[in-house]
C-alpha atoms as a PDB file:
ATOM      1  CA  MET A   1      28.873 -17.193  64.343  1.00  0.00           C
ATOM      2  CA  ALA A   2      26.116 -14.562  64.260  1.00  0.00           C
ATOM      3  CA  LYS A   3      28.418 -11.937  62.740  1.00  0.00           C
ATOM      4  CA  VAL A   4      29.462 -14.333  59.992  1.00  0.00           C
ATOM      5  CA  ILE A   5      25.849 -15.143  59.169  1.00  0.00           C
ATOM      6  CA  LEU A   6      24.825 -11.458  59.179  1.00  0.00           C
ATOM      7  CA  LYS A   7      27.756 -10.570  56.931  1.00  0.00           C
ATOM      8  CA  ALA A   8      26.781 -13.315  54.487  1.00  0.00           C
ATOM      9  CA  ALA A   9      23.170 -12.114  54.548  1.00  0.00           C
ATOM     10  CA  MET A  10      24.131  -8.501  53.796  1.00  0.00           C
ATOM     11  CA  ILE A  11      26.514  -9.439  51.002  1.00  0.00           C
ATOM     12  CA  ASN A  12      24.025 -11.827  49.417  1.00  0.00           C
ATOM     13  CA  GLY A  13      21.180  -9.322  49.681  1.00  0.00           C
ATOM     14  CA  LEU A  14      23.192  -6.465  48.212  1.00  0.00           C
ATOM     15  CA  ILE A  15      24.789  -8.383  45.359  1.00  0.00           C
ATOM     16  CA  TRP A  16      21.665 -10.171  44.126  1.00  0.00           C
ATOM     17  CA  SER A  17      19.490  -7.089  44.507  1.00  0.00           C
ATOM     18  CA  ALA A  18      22.008  -5.139  42.439  1.00  0.00           C
ATOM     19  CA  VAL A  19      22.016  -7.888  39.813  1.00  0.00           C
ATOM     20  CA  LEU A  20      18.225  -7.798  39.558  1.00  0.00           C
ATOM     21  CA  LEU A  21      18.210  -3.994  39.365  1.00  0.00           C
ATOM     22  CA  LEU A  22      20.749  -4.170  36.544  1.00  0.00           C
ATOM     23  CA  LEU A  23      18.742  -6.817  34.689  1.00  0.00           C
ATOM     24  CA  THR A  24      15.525  -4.819  34.936  1.00  0.00           C
ATOM     25  CA  TYR A  25      17.371  -1.727  33.752  1.00  0.00           C
ATOM     26  CA  LEU A  26      18.813  -3.547  30.755  1.00  0.00           C
ATOM     27  CA  LYS A  27      15.434  -5.052  29.890  1.00  0.00           C
ATOM     28  CA  ASN A  28      13.200  -1.997  30.374  1.00  0.00           C
ATOM     29  CA  GLY A  29      15.571   0.966  30.362  1.00  0.00           C
ATOM     30  CA  ILE A  30      14.242   2.086  33.760  1.00  0.00           C
ATOM     31  CA  ILE A  31      15.430   1.161  37.229  1.00  0.00           C
ATOM     32  CA  TYR A  32      12.437  -0.156  39.121  1.00  0.00           C
ATOM     33  CA  THR A  33      12.966   0.219  42.854  1.00  0.00           C
ATOM     34  CA  ASN A  34       9.402  -0.842  43.674  1.00  0.00           C
ATOM     35  CA  TYR A  35      10.435  -4.446  44.201  1.00  0.00           C
ATOM     36  CA  LEU A  36      13.685  -3.716  46.044  1.00  0.00           C
ATOM     37  CA  PRO A  37      12.030  -3.978  49.504  1.00  0.00           C
ATOM     38  CA  LEU A  38      10.983  -7.507  48.535  1.00  0.00           C
ATOM     39  CA  TRP A  39      14.187  -8.579  46.805  1.00  0.00           C
ATOM     40  CA  PHE A  40      16.655  -7.538  49.483  1.00  0.00           C
ATOM     41  CA  PRO A  41      15.044  -9.367  52.435  1.00  0.00           C
ATOM     42  CA  PHE A  42      14.445 -12.464  50.307  1.00  0.00           C
ATOM     43  CA  PHE A  43      18.065 -12.688  49.190  1.00  0.00           C
ATOM     44  CA  ALA A  44      19.373 -11.739  52.636  1.00  0.00           C
ATOM     45  CA  ILE A  45      17.342 -14.497  54.286  1.00  0.00           C
ATOM     46  CA  THR A  46      18.369 -17.099  51.731  1.00  0.00           C
ATOM     47  CA  GLY A  47      22.027 -16.082  52.091  1.00  0.00           C
ATOM     48  CA  ALA A  48      21.820 -16.329  55.883  1.00  0.00           C
ATOM     49  CA  LEU A  49      20.124 -19.720  55.734  1.00  0.00           C
ATOM     50  CA  ARG A  50      22.704 -21.029  53.266  1.00  0.00           C
ATOM     51  CA  LYS A  51      25.592 -19.831  55.468  1.00  0.00           C
ATOM     52  CA  TRP A  52      23.983 -21.252  58.613  1.00  0.00           C
ATOM     53  CA  TYR A  53      23.453 -24.605  56.865  1.00  0.00           C
ATOM     54  CA  MET A  54      27.055 -24.730  55.672  1.00  0.00           C
ATOM     55  CA  ILE A  55      28.369 -23.907  59.162  1.00  0.00           C
ATOM     56  CA  THR A  56      26.207 -26.521  60.888  1.00  0.00           C
ATOM     57  CA  LYS A  57      27.033 -29.095  58.214  1.00  0.00           C
ATOM     58  CA  SER A  58      30.772 -28.555  58.625  1.00  0.00           C
ATOM     59  CA  ASN A  59      30.483 -28.786  62.433  1.00  0.00           C
ATOM     60  CA  LYS A  60      28.766 -32.195  62.237  1.00  0.00           C
ATOM     61  CA  GLU A  61      31.539 -33.745  60.183  1.00  0.00           C
END
């Protein structure tokens, strides 16, 4: 279960961080990596929590 949650966290963190980098590039014309250390952990944690919730919810049913 831990590997599944970690995989979901990494995928979520990478994809959404890349999306935000792309949006900031399209808006400003410059890739701002200053906020990347904040974005990646935030999206990784939310992805892990979402996966954990879905696993525990499916086990209860």
